[in-house]
Amino acid sequence: MAEFRTFREQALHYFMRDHDGAISQVVDHPAAWDAQAMRSAPESWQYGLSDDDIAEFEAALDATSNLSMDHISRENFALPGLAERIASWRSTLREGRGFVLVTGLPVERWGEEASSRAYWGLGHHLGVPGGQNPQGELLGHVRDYGEEAGDPNVRRYRTAGDIAFHCDAADVVGLLCLQPAKKGGESRIASSISIFNHLQREEPELAQRLFAPILLDRRGEHKSDEAPVFPIQPACFNGGVLRTFWHSDYYRSAYQHDGIPPLDEAGVALLDRYEALAMDPEFHLDMELRVGDMQFISNHFTVHSRTAYEDWAEDGKARHLLRLWLSLEGSE
């Protein structure tokens, strides 16, 4: 098995969602969670690493200390004591609630390099890591690069501004917090199945619009001979499972390109209503990621966003997270 997938390989895998046809009923699935219930029972979705877990990570780091990051694999970064727990996280992400928070990685003691290697090693046990852009970035650094948030070709994770609800082109996105912001920067997630179910009950015509294509902006990440946009069907239903790819900013900006007809009225209404529902506290859960927290989210069942943040003025204290994209199918 390849130790990681290219950006293209990973995206093709993610978007190959089987579809039986549009449905007109609500979906019964563990990922259709209630935000208040999640806030009331954080122990149901959090796992704190034990001293034994940390010792196992340290043994794996020692065993791979002479290897470059791209040669670390599931086989040589051994985590046998955590194997059963990791399998349960993978199951939760693939067919369960769709998110998990793992706390307690000793980032402050280990430093950035060892923490990055430990996170990368864990990623290989959860799934198959993949590129996060056409340049092949495998372990993304989420921080403020001082770029202009209003530039349509700037990915907003490279700014301190808020990020609208979206999914990434991989089965799972993971974040490891190396340094939180001084204020703000909370991770905000919502169940795309719960949002669909609400639309199906209250505004079924908008629920149906999820099964028709919407153009997606490539945001400059395409070859010169490729179109700047391409069509995506946001929701696909197969075998009782609803998988959704949502990216309202990229959906909206696709229709600003020259020669692209405007989005239909139902599509515009869907974009507005979906975002409003995801922003409603009835549907979303906020997480304030602390140093050493590792958050993993299914991009099939969960939409995520981030609040704007204020950074520290001191050198070396800027908000800094590491990001992983993972494929799950075929990862066993």
C-alpha atoms as a PDB file:
ATOM      1  CA  MET A   1       0.000   0.000   0.000  1.00  0.00           C
ATOM      2  CA  ALA A   2       1.232   3.520  -0.760  1.00  0.00           C
ATOM      3  CA  GLU A   3       2.231   5.405   2.373  1.00  0.00           C
ATOM      4  CA  PHE A   4       0.217   8.421   1.253  1.00  0.00           C
ATOM      5  CA  ARG A   5      -2.010   9.522  -1.613  1.00  0.00           C
ATOM      6  CA  THR A   6      -1.606  12.467  -3.927  1.00  0.00           C
ATOM      7  CA  PHE A   7      -4.087  15.331  -3.775  1.00  0.00           C
ATOM      8  CA  ARG A   8      -5.755  14.043  -6.953  1.00  0.00           C
ATOM      9  CA  GLU A   9      -5.896  10.413  -5.804  1.00  0.00           C
ATOM     10  CA  GLN A  10      -7.418  11.412  -2.495  1.00  0.00           C
ATOM     11  CA  ALA A  11     -10.003  13.741  -4.063  1.00  0.00           C
ATOM     12  CA  LEU A  12     -11.061  11.111  -6.607  1.00  0.00           C
ATOM     13  CA  HIS A  13     -11.487   8.590  -3.796  1.00  0.00           C
ATOM     14  CA  TYR A  14     -13.523  11.023  -1.704  1.00  0.00           C
ATOM     15  CA  PHE A  15     -15.869  12.095  -4.490  1.00  0.00           C
ATOM     16  CA  MET A  16     -16.612   8.541  -5.685  1.00  0.00           C
ATOM     17  CA  ARG A  17     -19.816   8.422  -3.620  1.00  0.00           C
ATOM     18  CA  ASP A  18     -22.380   5.865  -4.755  1.00  0.00           C
ATOM     19  CA  HIS A  19     -25.849   7.302  -5.254  1.00  0.00           C
ATOM     20  CA  ASP A  20     -29.126   5.387  -5.500  1.00  0.00           C
ATOM     21  CA  GLY A  21     -31.259   8.477  -6.100  1.00  0.00           C
ATOM     22  CA  ALA A  22     -32.843  11.405  -4.297  1.00  0.00           C
ATOM     23  CA  ILE A  23     -34.826  10.549  -1.159  1.00  0.00           C
ATOM     24  CA  SER A  24     -37.894  12.165   0.372  1.00  0.00           C
ATOM     25  CA  GLN A  25     -37.566  10.908   3.954  1.00  0.00           C
ATOM     26  CA  VAL A  26     -35.352  11.748   6.915  1.00  0.00           C
ATOM     27  CA  VAL A  27     -32.196   9.704   7.468  1.00  0.00           C
ATOM     28  CA  ASP A  28     -31.726   7.602  10.585  1.00  0.00           C
ATOM     29  CA  HIS A  29     -27.971   7.489  11.224  1.00  0.00           C
ATOM     30  CA  PRO A  30     -25.618   7.847  14.244  1.00  0.00           C
ATOM     31  CA  ALA A  31     -24.117  10.955  12.617  1.00  0.00           C
ATOM     32  CA  ALA A  32     -27.475  12.756  12.858  1.00  0.00           C
ATOM     33  CA  TRP A  33     -26.519  14.091  16.274  1.00  0.00           C
ATOM     34  CA  ASP A  34     -28.093  16.777  18.408  1.00  0.00           C
ATOM     35  CA  ALA A  35     -25.780  19.663  19.349  1.00  0.00           C
ATOM     36  CA  GLN A  36     -27.188  20.158  22.849  1.00  0.00           C
ATOM     37  CA  ALA A  37     -26.826  16.456  23.572  1.00  0.00           C
ATOM     38  CA  MET A  38     -23.169  16.631  22.505  1.00  0.00           C
ATOM     39  CA  ARG A  39     -22.538  19.686  24.689  1.00  0.00           C
ATOM     40  CA  SER A  40     -24.111  17.859  27.634  1.00  0.00           C
ATOM     41  CA  ALA A  41     -22.025  14.702  27.223  1.00  0.00           C
ATOM     42  CA  PRO A  42     -18.468  15.605  26.126  1.00  0.00           C
ATOM     43  CA  GLU A  43     -17.212  12.307  27.523  1.00  0.00           C
ATOM     44  CA  SER A  44     -19.031  10.567  24.663  1.00  0.00           C
ATOM     45  CA  TRP A  45     -16.770  12.137  22.021  1.00  0.00           C
ATOM     46  CA  GLN A  46     -13.535  12.908  23.901  1.00  0.00           C
ATOM     47  CA  TYR A  47     -10.670  10.585  24.792  1.00  0.00           C
ATOM     48  CA  GLY A  48      -7.767  11.604  27.017  1.00  0.00           C
ATOM     49  CA  LEU A  49      -4.437   9.926  26.301  1.00  0.00           C
ATOM     50  CA  SER A  50      -3.096   7.994  29.303  1.00  0.00           C
ATOM     51  CA  ASP A  51       0.501   7.780  30.528  1.00  0.00           C
ATOM     52  CA  ASP A  52       0.732   4.360  28.886  1.00  0.00           C
ATOM     53  CA  ASP A  53      -0.512   5.821  25.596  1.00  0.00           C
ATOM     54  CA  ILE A  54       2.114   8.572  25.728  1.00  0.00           C
ATOM     55  CA  ALA A  55       4.835   6.017  26.501  1.00  0.00           C
ATOM     56  CA  GLU A  56       3.761   4.025  23.444  1.00  0.00           C
ATOM     57  CA  PHE A  57       3.989   7.112  21.249  1.00  0.00           C
ATOM     58  CA  GLU A  58       7.458   7.840  22.626  1.00  0.00           C
ATOM     59  CA  ALA A  59       8.611   4.293  21.869  1.00  0.00           C
ATOM     60  CA  ALA A  60       7.343   4.668  18.300  1.00  0.00           C
ATOM     61  CA  LEU A  61       9.124   8.019  17.968  1.00  0.00           C
ATOM     62  CA  ASP A  62      12.376   6.455  19.163  1.00  0.00           C
ATOM     63  CA  ALA A  63      12.003   3.526  16.754  1.00  0.00           C
ATOM     64  CA  THR A  64      11.553   5.869  13.758  1.00  0.00           C
ATOM     65  CA  SER A  65      13.966   8.616  14.767  1.00  0.00           C
ATOM     66  CA  ASN A  66      16.287   7.801  11.839  1.00  0.00           C
ATOM     67  CA  LEU A  67      13.470   7.938   9.259  1.00  0.00           C
ATOM     68  CA  SER A  68      12.217  10.953   7.342  1.00  0.00           C
ATOM     69  CA  MET A  69       8.519  11.774   7.727  1.00  0.00           C
ATOM     70  CA  ASP A  70       7.650  10.366   4.313  1.00  0.00           C
ATOM     71  CA  HIS A  71       9.054   6.970   5.324  1.00  0.00           C
ATOM     72  CA  ILE A  72       6.976   6.646   8.487  1.00  0.00           C
ATOM     73  CA  SER A  73       4.225   4.039   8.077  1.00  0.00           C
ATOM     74  CA  ARG A  74       1.736   2.052  10.099  1.00  0.00           C
ATOM     75  CA  GLU A  75       4.141  -0.854  10.189  1.00  0.00           C
ATOM     76  CA  ASN A  76       7.188   0.959  11.573  1.00  0.00           C
ATOM     77  CA  PHE A  77       5.318   3.449  13.800  1.00  0.00           C
ATOM     78  CA  ALA A  78       3.880   0.753  16.056  1.00  0.00           C
ATOM     79  CA  LEU A  79       1.012   1.556  18.434  1.00  0.00           C
ATOM     80  CA  PRO A  80      -0.204  -1.920  19.490  1.00  0.00           C
ATOM     81  CA  GLY A  81      -1.642  -0.861  22.831  1.00  0.00           C
ATOM     82  CA  LEU A  82      -3.783   1.807  21.154  1.00  0.00           C
ATOM     83  CA  ALA A  83      -4.857  -0.419  18.243  1.00  0.00           C
ATOM     84  CA  GLU A  84      -8.312  -1.236  19.617  1.00  0.00           C
ATOM     85  CA  ARG A  85      -9.007   2.372  20.551  1.00  0.00           C
ATOM     86  CA  ILE A  86      -7.832   3.639  17.138  1.00  0.00           C
ATOM     87  CA  ALA A  87     -10.086   1.078  15.433  1.00  0.00           C
ATOM     88  CA  SER A  88     -13.029   2.470  17.412  1.00  0.00           C
ATOM     89  CA  TRP A  89     -12.163   6.025  16.322  1.00  0.00           C
ATOM     90  CA  ARG A  90     -11.988   4.892  12.691  1.00  0.00           C
ATOM     91  CA  SER A  91     -15.366   3.197  13.029  1.00  0.00           C
ATOM     92  CA  THR A  92     -16.836   6.358  14.594  1.00  0.00           C
ATOM     93  CA  LEU A  93     -15.544   8.444  11.704  1.00  0.00           C
ATOM     94  CA  ARG A  94     -16.572   6.048   8.957  1.00  0.00           C
ATOM     95  CA  GLU A  95     -19.971   4.832  10.111  1.00  0.00           C
ATOM     96  CA  GLY A  96     -20.762   6.442  13.460  1.00  0.00           C
ATOM     97  CA  ARG A  97     -21.094   9.919  14.941  1.00  0.00           C
ATOM     98  CA  GLY A  98     -18.483  11.345  12.552  1.00  0.00           C
ATOM     99  CA  PHE A  99     -16.106  13.147  14.923  1.00  0.00           C
ATOM    100  CA  VAL A 100     -13.780  12.514  17.852  1.00  0.00           C
ATOM    101  CA  LEU A 101     -11.484  14.645  20.017  1.00  0.00           C
ATOM    102  CA  VAL A 102      -8.296  13.103  21.409  1.00  0.00           C
ATOM    103  CA  THR A 103      -6.620  15.171  24.134  1.00  0.00           C
ATOM    104  CA  GLY A 104      -3.323  15.166  25.966  1.00  0.00           C
ATOM    105  CA  LEU A 105      -0.538  14.895  23.392  1.00  0.00           C
ATOM    106  CA  PRO A 106       2.439  16.440  25.301  1.00  0.00           C
ATOM    107  CA  VAL A 107       3.217  19.091  22.691  1.00  0.00           C
ATOM    108  CA  GLU A 108       4.872  21.495  25.114  1.00  0.00           C
ATOM    109  CA  ARG A 109       7.279  18.804  26.332  1.00  0.00           C
ATOM    110  CA  TRP A 110       7.977  17.234  22.940  1.00  0.00           C
ATOM    111  CA  GLY A 111       8.167  20.346  20.775  1.00  0.00           C
ATOM    112  CA  GLU A 112       6.854  20.834  17.234  1.00  0.00           C
ATOM    113  CA  GLU A 113       9.020  18.284  15.390  1.00  0.00           C
ATOM    114  CA  ALA A 114       8.298  15.274  17.620  1.00  0.00           C
ATOM    115  CA  SER A 115       4.642  16.255  17.950  1.00  0.00           C
ATOM    116  CA  SER A 116       4.343  16.469  14.163  1.00  0.00           C
ATOM    117  CA  ARG A 117       5.910  13.023  13.740  1.00  0.00           C
ATOM    118  CA  ALA A 118       3.620  11.519  16.383  1.00  0.00           C
ATOM    119  CA  TYR A 119       0.560  13.055  14.715  1.00  0.00           C
ATOM    120  CA  TRP A 120       1.694  11.851  11.284  1.00  0.00           C
ATOM    121  CA  GLY A 121       2.258   8.365  12.686  1.00  0.00           C
ATOM    122  CA  LEU A 122      -1.187   8.258  14.256  1.00  0.00           C
ATOM    123  CA  GLY A 123      -2.672   9.362  10.932  1.00  0.00           C
ATOM    124  CA  HIS A 124      -1.281   6.236   9.267  1.00  0.00           C
ATOM    125  CA  HIS A 125      -3.107   4.076  11.816  1.00  0.00           C
ATOM    126  CA  LEU A 126      -6.412   5.874  11.289  1.00  0.00           C
ATOM    127  CA  GLY A 127      -6.282   5.910   7.486  1.00  0.00           C
ATOM    128  CA  VAL A 128      -4.137   6.821   4.484  1.00  0.00           C
ATOM    129  CA  PRO A 129      -2.777  10.401   4.571  1.00  0.00           C
ATOM    130  CA  GLY A 130      -3.003  12.445   1.403  1.00  0.00           C
ATOM    131  CA  GLY A 131      -2.042  15.745  -0.222  1.00  0.00           C
ATOM    132  CA  GLN A 132      -3.965  18.871   0.732  1.00  0.00           C
ATOM    133  CA  ASN A 133      -3.264  20.848  -2.431  1.00  0.00           C
ATOM    134  CA  PRO A 134      -1.829  20.262  -5.919  1.00  0.00           C
ATOM    135  CA  GLN A 135       1.620  21.087  -4.524  1.00  0.00           C
ATOM    136  CA  GLY A 136       1.429  17.903  -2.438  1.00  0.00           C
ATOM    137  CA  GLU A 137       1.403  19.401   1.066  1.00  0.00           C
ATOM    138  CA  LEU A 138       0.855  16.439   3.403  1.00  0.00           C
ATOM    139  CA  LEU A 139       0.956  18.041   6.842  1.00  0.00           C
ATOM    140  CA  GLY A 140      -0.636  21.466   6.595  1.00  0.00           C
ATOM    141  CA  HIS A 141       0.269  24.376   8.872  1.00  0.00           C
ATOM    142  CA  VAL A 142      -2.868  26.333   9.810  1.00  0.00           C
ATOM    143  CA  ARG A 143      -1.850  29.829  10.879  1.00  0.00           C
ATOM    144  CA  ASP A 144      -2.125  33.465   9.837  1.00  0.00           C
ATOM    145  CA  TYR A 145       0.250  34.116   6.946  1.00  0.00           C
ATOM    146  CA  GLY A 146      -0.853  37.732   6.650  1.00  0.00           C
ATOM    147  CA  GLU A 147      -2.585  37.116   3.338  1.00  0.00           C
ATOM    148  CA  GLU A 148      -5.611  39.112   2.200  1.00  0.00           C
ATOM    149  CA  ALA A 149      -8.775  37.346   3.339  1.00  0.00           C
ATOM    150  CA  GLY A 150     -10.789  39.082   0.623  1.00  0.00           C
ATOM    151  CA  ASP A 151      -8.713  37.554  -2.194  1.00  0.00           C
ATOM    152  CA  PRO A 152     -10.896  34.798  -3.736  1.00  0.00           C
ATOM    153  CA  ASN A 153      -7.832  32.648  -4.422  1.00  0.00           C
ATOM    154  CA  VAL A 154      -6.514  32.789  -0.841  1.00  0.00           C
ATOM    155  CA  ARG A 155      -7.471  29.798   1.295  1.00  0.00           C
ATOM    156  CA  ARG A 156      -8.937  31.328   4.432  1.00  0.00           C
ATOM    157  CA  TYR A 157      -7.101  29.025   6.837  1.00  0.00           C
ATOM    158  CA  ARG A 158      -4.049  31.153   5.953  1.00  0.00           C
ATOM    159  CA  THR A 159      -5.740  34.209   7.528  1.00  0.00           C
ATOM    160  CA  ALA A 160      -7.124  35.107  10.959  1.00  0.00           C
ATOM    161  CA  GLY A 161     -10.624  35.635   9.572  1.00  0.00           C
ATOM    162  CA  ASP A 162     -13.649  33.452  10.063  1.00  0.00           C
ATOM    163  CA  ILE A 163     -14.172  30.452   7.787  1.00  0.00           C
ATOM    164  CA  ALA A 164     -17.622  29.517   6.494  1.00  0.00           C
ATOM    165  CA  PHE A 165     -19.022  26.000   6.853  1.00  0.00           C
ATOM    166  CA  HIS A 166     -17.465  23.558   4.422  1.00  0.00           C
ATOM    167  CA  CYS A 167     -16.064  20.073   3.874  1.00  0.00           C
ATOM    168  CA  ASP A 168     -12.592  19.157   2.638  1.00  0.00           C
ATOM    169  CA  ALA A 169     -11.892  16.767  -0.245  1.00  0.00           C
ATOM    170  CA  ALA A 170     -10.898  13.834   1.967  1.00  0.00           C
ATOM    171  CA  ASP A 171     -12.801  11.318   4.088  1.00  0.00           C
ATOM    172  CA  VAL A 172     -11.408  12.830   7.294  1.00  0.00           C
ATOM    173  CA  VAL A 173      -9.745  16.089   8.292  1.00  0.00           C
ATOM    174  CA  GLY A 174      -7.669  16.192  11.449  1.00  0.00           C
ATOM    175  CA  LEU A 175      -6.300  19.126  13.444  1.00  0.00           C
ATOM    176  CA  LEU A 176      -3.582  19.093  16.108  1.00  0.00           C
ATOM    177  CA  CYS A 177      -3.342  22.235  18.235  1.00  0.00           C
ATOM    178  CA  LEU A 178       0.243  23.371  18.809  1.00  0.00           C
ATOM    179  CA  GLN A 179      -0.729  26.864  20.009  1.00  0.00           C
ATOM    180  CA  PRO A 180      -4.224  28.359  20.410  1.00  0.00           C
ATOM    181  CA  ALA A 181      -5.089  31.972  19.645  1.00  0.00           C
ATOM    182  CA  LYS A 182      -5.273  34.659  22.321  1.00  0.00           C
ATOM    183  CA  LYS A 183      -8.988  34.985  21.633  1.00  0.00           C
ATOM    184  CA  GLY A 184     -11.385  33.211  19.258  1.00  0.00           C
ATOM    185  CA  GLY A 185     -10.487  30.630  16.630  1.00  0.00           C
ATOM    186  CA  GLU A 186     -12.983  28.037  17.880  1.00  0.00           C
ATOM    187  CA  SER A 187     -13.666  25.017  15.696  1.00  0.00           C
ATOM    188  CA  ARG A 188     -17.395  24.833  14.912  1.00  0.00           C
ATOM    189  CA  ILE A 189     -18.967  21.645  13.561  1.00  0.00           C
ATOM    190  CA  ALA A 190     -22.487  20.608  12.558  1.00  0.00           C
ATOM    191  CA  SER A 191     -24.066  17.367  11.383  1.00  0.00           C
ATOM    192  CA  SER A 192     -24.887  17.570   7.673  1.00  0.00           C
ATOM    193  CA  ILE A 193     -27.391  14.741   8.182  1.00  0.00           C
ATOM    194  CA  SER A 194     -29.207  16.653  10.937  1.00  0.00           C
ATOM    195  CA  ILE A 195     -29.359  19.717   8.679  1.00  0.00           C
ATOM    196  CA  PHE A 196     -30.732  17.603   5.834  1.00  0.00           C
ATOM    197  CA  ASN A 197     -33.347  16.053   8.114  1.00  0.00           C
ATOM    198  CA  HIS A 198     -34.507  19.493   9.232  1.00  0.00           C
ATOM    199  CA  LEU A 199     -34.797  20.650   5.620  1.00  0.00           C
ATOM    200  CA  GLN A 200     -36.647  17.473   4.711  1.00  0.00           C
ATOM    201  CA  ARG A 201     -39.216  18.106   7.452  1.00  0.00           C
ATOM    202  CA  GLU A 202     -39.586  21.865   7.039  1.00  0.00           C
ATOM    203  CA  GLU A 203     -38.456  22.799   3.506  1.00  0.00           C
ATOM    204  CA  PRO A 204     -38.398  19.616   1.422  1.00  0.00           C
ATOM    205  CA  GLU A 205     -37.878  21.494  -1.854  1.00  0.00           C
ATOM    206  CA  LEU A 206     -34.498  22.700  -0.555  1.00  0.00           C
ATOM    207  CA  ALA A 207     -33.611  19.203   0.644  1.00  0.00           C
ATOM    208  CA  GLN A 208     -34.242  17.970  -2.906  1.00  0.00           C
ATOM    209  CA  ARG A 209     -31.998  20.684  -4.342  1.00  0.00           C
ATOM    210  CA  LEU A 210     -29.063  19.011  -2.544  1.00  0.00           C
ATOM    211  CA  PHE A 211     -29.312  16.153  -5.068  1.00  0.00           C
ATOM    212  CA  ALA A 212     -28.762  18.403  -8.109  1.00  0.00           C
ATOM    213  CA  PRO A 213     -25.343  19.706  -9.209  1.00  0.00           C
ATOM    214  CA  ILE A 214     -23.885  23.028  -8.072  1.00  0.00           C
ATOM    215  CA  LEU A 215     -20.709  24.455  -9.579  1.00  0.00           C
ATOM    216  CA  LEU A 216     -17.609  24.437  -7.361  1.00  0.00           C
ATOM    217  CA  ASP A 217     -14.836  27.018  -7.761  1.00  0.00           C
ATOM    218  CA  ARG A 218     -11.336  25.565  -8.139  1.00  0.00           C
ATOM    219  CA  ARG A 219      -9.913  28.812  -6.638  1.00  0.00           C
ATOM    220  CA  GLY A 220      -6.914  28.812  -8.942  1.00  0.00           C
ATOM    221  CA  GLU A 221      -5.898  25.220  -8.118  1.00  0.00           C
ATOM    222  CA  HIS A 222      -6.265  23.918 -11.655  1.00  0.00           C
ATOM    223  CA  LYS A 223      -4.225  23.534 -14.819  1.00  0.00           C
ATOM    224  CA  SER A 224      -4.293  26.141 -17.558  1.00  0.00           C
ATOM    225  CA  ASP A 225      -6.289  23.854 -19.866  1.00  0.00           C
ATOM    226  CA  GLU A 226      -8.930  23.070 -17.208  1.00  0.00           C
ATOM    227  CA  ALA A 227     -12.127  24.972 -16.480  1.00  0.00           C
ATOM    228  CA  PRO A 228     -12.026  27.128 -13.314  1.00  0.00           C
ATOM    229  CA  VAL A 229     -15.184  25.423 -12.026  1.00  0.00           C
ATOM    230  CA  PHE A 230     -16.739  21.964 -12.081  1.00  0.00           C
ATOM    231  CA  PRO A 231     -20.143  20.542 -11.074  1.00  0.00           C
ATOM    232  CA  ILE A 232     -20.648  18.716  -7.765  1.00  0.00           C
ATOM    233  CA  GLN A 233     -23.778  17.056  -6.441  1.00  0.00           C
ATOM    234  CA  PRO A 234     -23.727  18.091  -2.761  1.00  0.00           C
ATOM    235  CA  ALA A 235     -25.600  15.070  -1.361  1.00  0.00           C
ATOM    236  CA  CYS A 236     -25.467  11.406  -2.331  1.00  0.00           C
ATOM    237  CA  PHE A 237     -27.566   8.627  -0.793  1.00  0.00           C
ATOM    238  CA  ASN A 238     -26.628   4.958  -0.874  1.00  0.00           C
ATOM    239  CA  GLY A 239     -27.396   1.996   1.347  1.00  0.00           C
ATOM    240  CA  GLY A 240     -29.208   4.092   3.926  1.00  0.00           C
ATOM    241  CA  VAL A 241     -26.278   6.522   4.243  1.00  0.00           C
ATOM    242  CA  LEU A 242     -26.340  10.205   3.257  1.00  0.00           C
ATOM    243  CA  ARG A 243     -22.944  11.711   2.383  1.00  0.00           C
ATOM    244  CA  THR A 244     -22.678  15.443   1.804  1.00  0.00           C
ATOM    245  CA  PHE A 245     -19.958  17.678   0.388  1.00  0.00           C
ATOM    246  CA  TRP A 246     -20.608  21.301   1.297  1.00  0.00           C
ATOM    247  CA  HIS A 247     -18.565  24.414   0.520  1.00  0.00           C
ATOM    248  CA  SER A 248     -20.747  27.503   0.413  1.00  0.00           C
ATOM    249  CA  ASP A 249     -17.922  30.001  -0.280  1.00  0.00           C
ATOM    250  CA  TYR A 250     -16.637  27.942  -3.208  1.00  0.00           C
ATOM    251  CA  TYR A 251     -20.166  27.330  -4.469  1.00  0.00           C
ATOM    252  CA  ARG A 252     -20.911  31.053  -4.454  1.00  0.00           C
ATOM    253  CA  SER A 253     -17.653  32.233  -6.025  1.00  0.00           C
ATOM    254  CA  ALA A 254     -17.976  29.722  -8.889  1.00  0.00           C
ATOM    255  CA  TYR A 255     -20.768  31.821 -10.359  1.00  0.00           C
ATOM    256  CA  GLN A 256     -18.642  34.977 -10.402  1.00  0.00           C
ATOM    257  CA  HIS A 257     -16.448  33.697 -13.260  1.00  0.00           C
ATOM    258  CA  ASP A 258     -16.999  35.201 -16.689  1.00  0.00           C
ATOM    259  CA  GLY A 259     -19.359  33.209 -18.876  1.00  0.00           C
ATOM    260  CA  ILE A 260     -20.949  31.235 -16.020  1.00  0.00           C
ATOM    261  CA  PRO A 261     -24.761  31.550 -15.878  1.00  0.00           C
ATOM    262  CA  PRO A 262     -26.119  32.564 -12.463  1.00  0.00           C
ATOM    263  CA  LEU A 263     -27.103  29.933  -9.925  1.00  0.00           C
ATOM    264  CA  ASP A 264     -30.787  29.027 -10.039  1.00  0.00           C
ATOM    265  CA  GLU A 265     -33.169  30.516  -7.473  1.00  0.00           C
ATOM    266  CA  ALA A 266     -33.531  27.261  -5.529  1.00  0.00           C
ATOM    267  CA  GLY A 267     -29.754  26.917  -5.379  1.00  0.00           C
ATOM    268  CA  VAL A 268     -29.337  30.418  -3.962  1.00  0.00           C
ATOM    269  CA  ALA A 269     -32.052  29.753  -1.394  1.00  0.00           C
ATOM    270  CA  LEU A 270     -30.349  26.495  -0.419  1.00  0.00           C
ATOM    271  CA  LEU A 271     -26.977  28.190   0.127  1.00  0.00           C
ATOM    272  CA  ASP A 272     -28.553  30.846   2.342  1.00  0.00           C
ATOM    273  CA  ARG A 273     -30.715  28.456   4.360  1.00  0.00           C
ATOM    274  CA  TYR A 274     -28.070  25.763   4.835  1.00  0.00           C
ATOM    275  CA  GLU A 275     -25.574  28.277   6.189  1.00  0.00           C
ATOM    276  CA  ALA A 276     -28.193  29.793   8.496  1.00  0.00           C
ATOM    277  CA  LEU A 277     -29.067  26.386   9.940  1.00  0.00           C
ATOM    278  CA  ALA A 278     -25.413  25.439  10.468  1.00  0.00           C
ATOM    279  CA  MET A 279     -24.859  28.754  12.273  1.00  0.00           C
ATOM    280  CA  ASP A 280     -27.806  28.078  14.599  1.00  0.00           C
ATOM    281  CA  PRO A 281     -26.640  26.798  18.045  1.00  0.00           C
ATOM    282  CA  GLU A 282     -29.352  24.157  17.746  1.00  0.00           C
ATOM    283  CA  PHE A 283     -27.191  22.492  15.103  1.00  0.00           C
ATOM    284  CA  HIS A 284     -23.556  23.346  15.798  1.00  0.00           C
ATOM    285  CA  LEU A 285     -21.031  22.401  18.457  1.00  0.00           C
ATOM    286  CA  ASP A 286     -18.079  24.652  19.284  1.00  0.00           C
ATOM    287  CA  MET A 287     -14.715  23.247  20.346  1.00  0.00           C
ATOM    288  CA  GLU A 288     -11.967  25.387  21.838  1.00  0.00           C
ATOM    289  CA  LEU A 289      -8.925  23.335  20.883  1.00  0.00           C
ATOM    290  CA  ARG A 290      -6.185  23.418  23.512  1.00  0.00           C
ATOM    291  CA  VAL A 291      -2.497  22.543  23.223  1.00  0.00           C
ATOM    292  CA  GLY A 292      -2.193  18.828  22.464  1.00  0.00           C
ATOM    293  CA  ASP A 293      -5.808  18.364  21.328  1.00  0.00           C
ATOM    294  CA  MET A 294      -6.340  16.309  18.159  1.00  0.00           C
ATOM    295  CA  GLN A 295      -9.703  16.685  16.441  1.00  0.00           C
ATOM    296  CA  PHE A 296     -10.796  14.287  13.679  1.00  0.00           C
ATOM    297  CA  ILE A 297     -13.919  14.959  11.570  1.00  0.00           C
ATOM    298  CA  SER A 298     -15.713  13.046   8.816  1.00  0.00           C
ATOM    299  CA  ASN A 299     -16.130  15.189   5.709  1.00  0.00           C
ATOM    300  CA  HIS A 300     -19.057  13.001   4.649  1.00  0.00           C
ATOM    301  CA  PHE A 301     -21.255  13.575   7.723  1.00  0.00           C
ATOM    302  CA  THR A 302     -19.977  16.843   9.191  1.00  0.00           C
ATOM    303  CA  VAL A 303     -19.557  20.427   8.029  1.00  0.00           C
ATOM    304  CA  HIS A 304     -17.014  22.550   9.851  1.00  0.00           C
ATOM    305  CA  SER A 305     -16.056  26.189  10.195  1.00  0.00           C
ATOM    306  CA  ARG A 306     -13.880  28.436  12.350  1.00  0.00           C
ATOM    307  CA  THR A 307     -14.520  31.691  14.157  1.00  0.00           C
ATOM    308  CA  ALA A 308     -12.219  34.648  13.565  1.00  0.00           C
ATOM    309  CA  TYR A 309      -9.426  35.077  16.072  1.00  0.00           C
ATOM    310  CA  GLU A 310      -7.070  37.560  17.684  1.00  0.00           C
ATOM    311  CA  ASP A 311      -3.475  36.399  17.894  1.00  0.00           C
ATOM    312  CA  TRP A 312      -0.834  36.923  20.550  1.00  0.00           C
ATOM    313  CA  ALA A 313       1.527  39.857  20.105  1.00  0.00           C
ATOM    314  CA  GLU A 314       4.507  37.972  21.565  1.00  0.00           C
ATOM    315  CA  ASP A 315       6.922  36.239  19.202  1.00  0.00           C
ATOM    316  CA  GLY A 316       6.497  32.478  19.031  1.00  0.00           C
ATOM    317  CA  LYS A 317       2.937  32.462  20.386  1.00  0.00           C
ATOM    318  CA  ALA A 318       0.957  32.802  17.146  1.00  0.00           C
ATOM    319  CA  ARG A 319      -1.948  30.396  16.691  1.00  0.00           C
ATOM    320  CA  HIS A 320      -0.642  27.250  15.001  1.00  0.00           C
ATOM    321  CA  LEU A 321      -2.414  23.998  14.160  1.00  0.00           C
ATOM    322  CA  LEU A 322      -1.299  21.030  12.083  1.00  0.00           C
ATOM    323  CA  ARG A 323      -3.776  19.533   9.615  1.00  0.00           C
ATOM    324  CA  LEU A 324      -4.101  16.012   8.216  1.00  0.00           C
ATOM    325  CA  TRP A 325      -6.313  14.774   5.408  1.00  0.00           C
ATOM    326  CA  LEU A 326      -7.052  11.048   5.518  1.00  0.00           C
ATOM    327  CA  SER A 327      -8.758   8.452   3.335  1.00  0.00           C
ATOM    328  CA  LEU A 328     -10.512   5.668   5.228  1.00  0.00           C
ATOM    329  CA  GLU A 329     -11.701   3.083   2.697  1.00  0.00           C
ATOM    330  CA  GLY A 330      -9.079   0.421   2.178  1.00  0.00           C
ATOM    331  CA  SER A 331      -7.089   1.631   5.191  1.00  0.00           C
ATOM    332  CA  GLU A 332      -7.234  -1.632   7.164  1.00  0.00           C
END
